[in-house]
């Protein structure tokens, strides 16, 4: 995985660098080569090895393991974390996303809108992230994911044509072969969630 930066500022080694495989800061020659390859002017960057699994695939796998371990699924409507249906459990993990605003309640939770495009590009074998430009290319077993957006407090769940154009043009500029005769899967939009604690979005 390559993470590249175009805006010159003080480089700080990520806090998570020691938690991934083969983290390495790029040298000047690598940056020059990648700048020419991806039609940009990168000032610093790093590489690492990581694992990529589509969330739906991973969740289905974990859910199957849960059922195989005799896990029981209970369907119930909750209005509070103090509801009596939860009393039988020793641990409750809250994964309700925006529902936490009402359930906890925690009104500091807000959405971060992410829109992506998925294309059939099996020749793409590595992740490329343009941290300052906002685009990224992430291949996986089913499709190659092109992104993306990071729009805080945006509740829109519909596909935005301007965002689609930004994603496709940005990714095609990095890897020119993404602009020729591609099969596109349906464009999708997803939300992830953050909590605003003392003015911080994360």
C-alpha atoms as a PDB file:
ATOM      1  CA  UNK A   1       0.000   0.000   0.000  1.00  0.00           C
ATOM      2  CA  UNK A   2       1.295   3.439  -0.965  1.00  0.00           C
ATOM      3  CA  UNK A   3       0.219   6.559   0.956  1.00  0.00           C
ATOM      4  CA  UNK A   4       1.316   9.730  -0.839  1.00  0.00           C
ATOM      5  CA  UNK A   5       1.268  13.411   0.132  1.00  0.00           C
ATOM      6  CA  UNK A   6       1.436  16.497  -2.100  1.00  0.00           C
ATOM      7  CA  UNK A   7       1.194  19.295   0.467  1.00  0.00           C
ATOM      8  CA  UNK A   8       4.553  20.108   2.016  1.00  0.00           C
ATOM      9  CA  UNK A   9       4.390  20.097   5.797  1.00  0.00           C
ATOM     10  CA  UNK A  10       6.227  18.515   8.661  1.00  0.00           C
ATOM     11  CA  UNK A  11       6.246  14.771   8.173  1.00  0.00           C
ATOM     12  CA  UNK A  12       5.147  12.824  11.214  1.00  0.00           C
ATOM     13  CA  UNK A  13       5.502   9.093  11.444  1.00  0.00           C
ATOM     14  CA  UNK A  14       1.965   7.694  11.960  1.00  0.00           C
ATOM     15  CA  UNK A  15       1.192   6.423  15.452  1.00  0.00           C
ATOM     16  CA  UNK A  16       0.073   3.123  13.978  1.00  0.00           C
ATOM     17  CA  UNK A  17       3.286   2.569  11.975  1.00  0.00           C
ATOM     18  CA  UNK A  18       4.588  -0.135  14.326  1.00  0.00           C
ATOM     19  CA  UNK A  19       1.278  -2.018  14.143  1.00  0.00           C
ATOM     20  CA  UNK A  20       1.453  -2.800  10.408  1.00  0.00           C
ATOM     21  CA  UNK A  21       3.809  -4.896   8.309  1.00  0.00           C
ATOM     22  CA  UNK A  22       6.887  -3.453   6.588  1.00  0.00           C
ATOM     23  CA  UNK A  23       6.197   0.241   7.197  1.00  0.00           C
ATOM     24  CA  UNK A  24       8.763   2.343   5.337  1.00  0.00           C
ATOM     25  CA  UNK A  25       9.084   6.040   4.594  1.00  0.00           C
ATOM     26  CA  UNK A  26       9.763   6.774   0.911  1.00  0.00           C
ATOM     27  CA  UNK A  27      13.006   8.363  -0.191  1.00  0.00           C
ATOM     28  CA  UNK A  28      13.441  11.142  -2.747  1.00  0.00           C
ATOM     29  CA  UNK A  29      14.022   8.791  -5.681  1.00  0.00           C
ATOM     30  CA  UNK A  30      10.870   6.802  -4.938  1.00  0.00           C
ATOM     31  CA  UNK A  31       8.808   9.993  -4.693  1.00  0.00           C
ATOM     32  CA  UNK A  32      10.199  11.292  -7.985  1.00  0.00           C
ATOM     33  CA  UNK A  33       9.392   8.006  -9.723  1.00  0.00           C
ATOM     34  CA  UNK A  34       5.840   7.869  -8.336  1.00  0.00           C
ATOM     35  CA  UNK A  35       5.230  11.544  -9.128  1.00  0.00           C
ATOM     36  CA  UNK A  36       6.026  10.824 -12.767  1.00  0.00           C
ATOM     37  CA  UNK A  37       3.980   7.629 -12.776  1.00  0.00           C
ATOM     38  CA  UNK A  38       0.871   9.154 -11.183  1.00  0.00           C
ATOM     39  CA  UNK A  39       1.094  12.644 -12.767  1.00  0.00           C
ATOM     40  CA  UNK A  40       1.511  14.453  -9.455  1.00  0.00           C
ATOM     41  CA  UNK A  41       4.145  16.172  -7.338  1.00  0.00           C
ATOM     42  CA  UNK A  42       4.509  14.133  -4.168  1.00  0.00           C
ATOM     43  CA  UNK A  43       6.707  15.514  -1.396  1.00  0.00           C
ATOM     44  CA  UNK A  44       6.618  12.557   0.974  1.00  0.00           C
ATOM     45  CA  UNK A  45       4.928   9.239   1.522  1.00  0.00           C
ATOM     46  CA  UNK A  46       5.195   5.777   2.975  1.00  0.00           C
ATOM     47  CA  UNK A  47       4.520   2.173   2.073  1.00  0.00           C
ATOM     48  CA  UNK A  48       3.165  -0.697   4.124  1.00  0.00           C
ATOM     49  CA  UNK A  49       1.723  -4.171   3.821  1.00  0.00           C
ATOM     50  CA  UNK A  50      -1.823  -4.724   5.038  1.00  0.00           C
ATOM     51  CA  UNK A  51      -4.794  -7.038   4.564  1.00  0.00           C
ATOM     52  CA  UNK A  52      -7.900  -5.981   2.660  1.00  0.00           C
ATOM     53  CA  UNK A  53     -11.263  -7.659   3.128  1.00  0.00           C
ATOM     54  CA  UNK A  54     -14.629  -6.311   1.931  1.00  0.00           C
ATOM     55  CA  UNK A  55     -16.645  -5.512   5.097  1.00  0.00           C
ATOM     56  CA  UNK A  56     -19.686  -7.522   3.986  1.00  0.00           C
ATOM     57  CA  UNK A  57     -17.530 -10.602   3.371  1.00  0.00           C
ATOM     58  CA  UNK A  58     -15.847 -10.263   6.755  1.00  0.00           C
ATOM     59  CA  UNK A  59     -19.128  -9.687   8.610  1.00  0.00           C
ATOM     60  CA  UNK A  60     -20.723 -12.733   6.974  1.00  0.00           C
ATOM     61  CA  UNK A  61     -17.710 -14.831   7.962  1.00  0.00           C
ATOM     62  CA  UNK A  62     -17.754 -13.626  11.569  1.00  0.00           C
ATOM     63  CA  UNK A  63     -21.513 -14.084  11.814  1.00  0.00           C
ATOM     64  CA  UNK A  64     -21.184 -17.663  10.587  1.00  0.00           C
ATOM     65  CA  UNK A  65     -18.513 -18.324  13.223  1.00  0.00           C
ATOM     66  CA  UNK A  66     -20.848 -16.853  15.827  1.00  0.00           C
ATOM     67  CA  UNK A  67     -23.657 -19.202  14.784  1.00  0.00           C
ATOM     68  CA  UNK A  68     -21.311 -22.198  14.639  1.00  0.00           C
ATOM     69  CA  UNK A  69     -20.325 -21.444  18.237  1.00  0.00           C
ATOM     70  CA  UNK A  70     -24.023 -21.754  19.232  1.00  0.00           C
ATOM     71  CA  UNK A  71     -24.510 -18.016  19.301  1.00  0.00           C
ATOM     72  CA  UNK A  72     -28.130 -16.902  19.593  1.00  0.00           C
ATOM     73  CA  UNK A  73     -29.652 -14.059  17.601  1.00  0.00           C
ATOM     74  CA  UNK A  74     -32.273 -11.986  19.417  1.00  0.00           C
ATOM     75  CA  UNK A  75     -34.389  -9.480  17.503  1.00  0.00           C
ATOM     76  CA  UNK A  76     -35.856  -6.722  19.630  1.00  0.00           C
ATOM     77  CA  UNK A  77     -36.656  -3.035  19.444  1.00  0.00           C
ATOM     78  CA  UNK A  78     -34.602  -1.021  21.928  1.00  0.00           C
ATOM     79  CA  UNK A  79     -35.309   2.476  23.161  1.00  0.00           C
ATOM     80  CA  UNK A  80     -32.439   2.628  25.633  1.00  0.00           C
ATOM     81  CA  UNK A  81     -29.316   0.732  26.694  1.00  0.00           C
ATOM     82  CA  UNK A  82     -31.182   0.171  29.958  1.00  0.00           C
ATOM     83  CA  UNK A  83     -33.943  -1.866  28.302  1.00  0.00           C
ATOM     84  CA  UNK A  84     -34.698  -5.063  30.216  1.00  0.00           C
ATOM     85  CA  UNK A  85     -33.925  -7.267  27.197  1.00  0.00           C
ATOM     86  CA  UNK A  86     -30.239  -6.399  27.700  1.00  0.00           C
ATOM     87  CA  UNK A  87     -30.150  -7.428  31.361  1.00  0.00           C
ATOM     88  CA  UNK A  88     -29.326 -11.037  30.470  1.00  0.00           C
ATOM     89  CA  UNK A  89     -26.003 -10.037  28.888  1.00  0.00           C
ATOM     90  CA  UNK A  90     -22.731  -9.362  30.699  1.00  0.00           C
ATOM     91  CA  UNK A  91     -21.341  -7.186  27.909  1.00  0.00           C
ATOM     92  CA  UNK A  92     -23.178  -4.957  25.426  1.00  0.00           C
ATOM     93  CA  UNK A  93     -21.285  -3.631  22.398  1.00  0.00           C
ATOM     94  CA  UNK A  94     -23.024  -0.626  20.876  1.00  0.00           C
ATOM     95  CA  UNK A  95     -22.754  -0.745  17.061  1.00  0.00           C
ATOM     96  CA  UNK A  96     -25.824   1.335  16.256  1.00  0.00           C
ATOM     97  CA  UNK A  97     -24.117   4.104  14.279  1.00  0.00           C
ATOM     98  CA  UNK A  98     -26.393   7.130  14.014  1.00  0.00           C
ATOM     99  CA  UNK A  99     -28.956   5.262  16.105  1.00  0.00           C
ATOM    100  CA  UNK A 100     -26.719   5.974  19.099  1.00  0.00           C
ATOM    101  CA  UNK A 101     -27.963   9.565  19.031  1.00  0.00           C
ATOM    102  CA  UNK A 102     -31.294   8.374  20.401  1.00  0.00           C
ATOM    103  CA  UNK A 103     -30.391   5.062  22.014  1.00  0.00           C
ATOM    104  CA  UNK A 104     -27.583   6.190  24.340  1.00  0.00           C
ATOM    105  CA  UNK A 105     -28.404   9.111  23.883  1.00  0.00           C
ATOM    106  CA  UNK A 106     -25.282  10.666  22.367  1.00  0.00           C
ATOM    107  CA  UNK A 107     -25.956  13.659  20.150  1.00  0.00           C
ATOM    108  CA  UNK A 108     -22.261  14.187  19.459  1.00  0.00           C
ATOM    109  CA  UNK A 109     -22.419  11.348  16.901  1.00  0.00           C
ATOM    110  CA  UNK A 110     -22.478  12.573  13.305  1.00  0.00           C
ATOM    111  CA  UNK A 111     -22.135  10.975   9.849  1.00  0.00           C
ATOM    112  CA  UNK A 112     -19.150  11.119   7.533  1.00  0.00           C
ATOM    113  CA  UNK A 113     -20.409  10.550   3.995  1.00  0.00           C
ATOM    114  CA  UNK A 114     -18.320   8.352   1.739  1.00  0.00           C
ATOM    115  CA  UNK A 115     -19.058   7.716  -1.921  1.00  0.00           C
ATOM    116  CA  UNK A 116     -17.108   5.198  -4.002  1.00  0.00           C
ATOM    117  CA  UNK A 117     -17.103   3.694  -7.473  1.00  0.00           C
ATOM    118  CA  UNK A 118     -16.368   0.022  -8.113  1.00  0.00           C
ATOM    119  CA  UNK A 119     -14.842  -1.149 -11.375  1.00  0.00           C
ATOM    120  CA  UNK A 120     -13.595  -4.393 -12.856  1.00  0.00           C
ATOM    121  CA  UNK A 121      -9.832  -3.789 -13.030  1.00  0.00           C
ATOM    122  CA  UNK A 122      -8.083  -7.071 -12.123  1.00  0.00           C
ATOM    123  CA  UNK A 123      -4.674  -5.731 -13.247  1.00  0.00           C
ATOM    124  CA  UNK A 124      -4.611  -3.332 -10.277  1.00  0.00           C
ATOM    125  CA  UNK A 125      -2.661  -5.202  -7.606  1.00  0.00           C
ATOM    126  CA  UNK A 126      -1.910  -2.607  -4.920  1.00  0.00           C
ATOM    127  CA  UNK A 127      -3.562   0.177  -2.956  1.00  0.00           C
ATOM    128  CA  UNK A 128      -2.739   3.785  -3.784  1.00  0.00           C
ATOM    129  CA  UNK A 129      -3.892   6.603  -1.506  1.00  0.00           C
ATOM    130  CA  UNK A 130      -3.455  10.276  -2.441  1.00  0.00           C
ATOM    131  CA  UNK A 131      -3.871  11.689   1.066  1.00  0.00           C
ATOM    132  CA  UNK A 132      -4.089  15.361   0.053  1.00  0.00           C
ATOM    133  CA  UNK A 133      -6.000  14.922  -3.196  1.00  0.00           C
ATOM    134  CA  UNK A 134      -8.595  12.711  -1.526  1.00  0.00           C
ATOM    135  CA  UNK A 135      -8.556   9.890  -4.080  1.00  0.00           C
ATOM    136  CA  UNK A 136      -7.713   6.254  -3.456  1.00  0.00           C
ATOM    137  CA  UNK A 137      -7.612   2.958  -5.340  1.00  0.00           C
ATOM    138  CA  UNK A 138      -8.208  -0.247  -3.379  1.00  0.00           C
ATOM    139  CA  UNK A 139      -8.382  -3.585  -5.207  1.00  0.00           C
ATOM    140  CA  UNK A 140     -10.129  -6.569  -3.673  1.00  0.00           C
ATOM    141  CA  UNK A 141     -11.410  -9.949  -4.774  1.00  0.00           C
ATOM    142  CA  UNK A 142     -14.759  -8.714  -6.125  1.00  0.00           C
ATOM    143  CA  UNK A 143     -13.878  -5.321  -7.620  1.00  0.00           C
ATOM    144  CA  UNK A 144     -11.480  -2.406  -7.550  1.00  0.00           C
ATOM    145  CA  UNK A 145     -12.792   0.347  -5.265  1.00  0.00           C
ATOM    146  CA  UNK A 146     -12.219   3.954  -6.341  1.00  0.00           C
ATOM    147  CA  UNK A 147     -12.751   6.771  -3.901  1.00  0.00           C
ATOM    148  CA  UNK A 148     -13.643   8.870  -2.376  1.00  0.00           C
ATOM    149  CA  UNK A 149     -15.307  11.477  -0.270  1.00  0.00           C
ATOM    150  CA  UNK A 150     -15.023  12.441   3.389  1.00  0.00           C
ATOM    151  CA  UNK A 151     -17.948  14.775   4.049  1.00  0.00           C
ATOM    152  CA  UNK A 152     -18.610  15.371   7.726  1.00  0.00           C
ATOM    153  CA  UNK A 153     -22.192  16.085   8.863  1.00  0.00           C
ATOM    154  CA  UNK A 154     -23.529  15.155   5.406  1.00  0.00           C
ATOM    155  CA  UNK A 155     -26.679  13.016   5.728  1.00  0.00           C
ATOM    156  CA  UNK A 156     -27.224  12.525   1.989  1.00  0.00           C
ATOM    157  CA  UNK A 157     -27.341   8.801   1.110  1.00  0.00           C
ATOM    158  CA  UNK A 158     -27.849   9.333  -2.621  1.00  0.00           C
ATOM    159  CA  UNK A 159     -25.134   9.166  -5.257  1.00  0.00           C
ATOM    160  CA  UNK A 160     -23.855  12.628  -6.180  1.00  0.00           C
ATOM    161  CA  UNK A 161     -22.789  13.075  -9.817  1.00  0.00           C
ATOM    162  CA  UNK A 162     -20.175  15.694  -8.930  1.00  0.00           C
ATOM    163  CA  UNK A 163     -18.605  13.318  -6.421  1.00  0.00           C
ATOM    164  CA  UNK A 164     -18.614  10.558  -9.036  1.00  0.00           C
ATOM    165  CA  UNK A 165     -16.796  12.849 -11.470  1.00  0.00           C
ATOM    166  CA  UNK A 166     -14.245  13.815  -8.797  1.00  0.00           C
ATOM    167  CA  UNK A 167     -13.585  10.171  -7.961  1.00  0.00           C
ATOM    168  CA  UNK A 168     -13.228   8.943 -11.541  1.00  0.00           C
ATOM    169  CA  UNK A 169     -11.105  11.833 -12.789  1.00  0.00           C
ATOM    170  CA  UNK A 170      -8.831  11.740  -9.746  1.00  0.00           C
ATOM    171  CA  UNK A 171      -8.248   7.987  -9.922  1.00  0.00           C
ATOM    172  CA  UNK A 172      -7.825   7.993 -13.708  1.00  0.00           C
ATOM    173  CA  UNK A 173      -5.198  10.715 -13.343  1.00  0.00           C
ATOM    174  CA  UNK A 174      -3.226   8.481 -10.975  1.00  0.00           C
ATOM    175  CA  UNK A 175      -3.639   5.300 -13.036  1.00  0.00           C
ATOM    176  CA  UNK A 176      -4.419   6.060 -16.677  1.00  0.00           C
ATOM    177  CA  UNK A 177      -5.578   2.528 -17.471  1.00  0.00           C
ATOM    178  CA  UNK A 178      -8.639   3.146 -15.278  1.00  0.00           C
ATOM    179  CA  UNK A 179     -10.012   5.434 -17.985  1.00  0.00           C
ATOM    180  CA  UNK A 180     -10.331   2.905 -20.801  1.00  0.00           C
ATOM    181  CA  UNK A 181     -13.254   0.533 -21.394  1.00  0.00           C
ATOM    182  CA  UNK A 182     -14.036  -0.320 -17.786  1.00  0.00           C
ATOM    183  CA  UNK A 183     -17.062  -2.226 -16.543  1.00  0.00           C
ATOM    184  CA  UNK A 184     -18.633  -0.228 -13.725  1.00  0.00           C
ATOM    185  CA  UNK A 185     -20.536  -1.775 -10.872  1.00  0.00           C
ATOM    186  CA  UNK A 186     -23.327   0.429  -9.406  1.00  0.00           C
ATOM    187  CA  UNK A 187     -21.948   3.557  -7.742  1.00  0.00           C
ATOM    188  CA  UNK A 188     -22.569   3.411  -3.993  1.00  0.00           C
ATOM    189  CA  UNK A 189     -22.709   5.739  -1.035  1.00  0.00           C
ATOM    190  CA  UNK A 190     -22.089   4.776   2.578  1.00  0.00           C
ATOM    191  CA  UNK A 191     -21.846   6.533   5.901  1.00  0.00           C
ATOM    192  CA  UNK A 192     -19.454   5.920   8.724  1.00  0.00           C
ATOM    193  CA  UNK A 193     -19.743   7.645  12.044  1.00  0.00           C
ATOM    194  CA  UNK A 194     -17.692   9.797  14.367  1.00  0.00           C
ATOM    195  CA  UNK A 195     -18.147  11.445  17.731  1.00  0.00           C
ATOM    196  CA  UNK A 196     -17.439  15.103  18.281  1.00  0.00           C
ATOM    197  CA  UNK A 197     -15.494  15.311  21.534  1.00  0.00           C
ATOM    198  CA  UNK A 198     -14.272  18.780  22.487  1.00  0.00           C
ATOM    199  CA  UNK A 199     -14.299  19.890  18.894  1.00  0.00           C
ATOM    200  CA  UNK A 200     -12.556  16.815  17.466  1.00  0.00           C
ATOM    201  CA  UNK A 201     -14.196  14.751  14.768  1.00  0.00           C
ATOM    202  CA  UNK A 202     -12.533  11.468  15.749  1.00  0.00           C
END
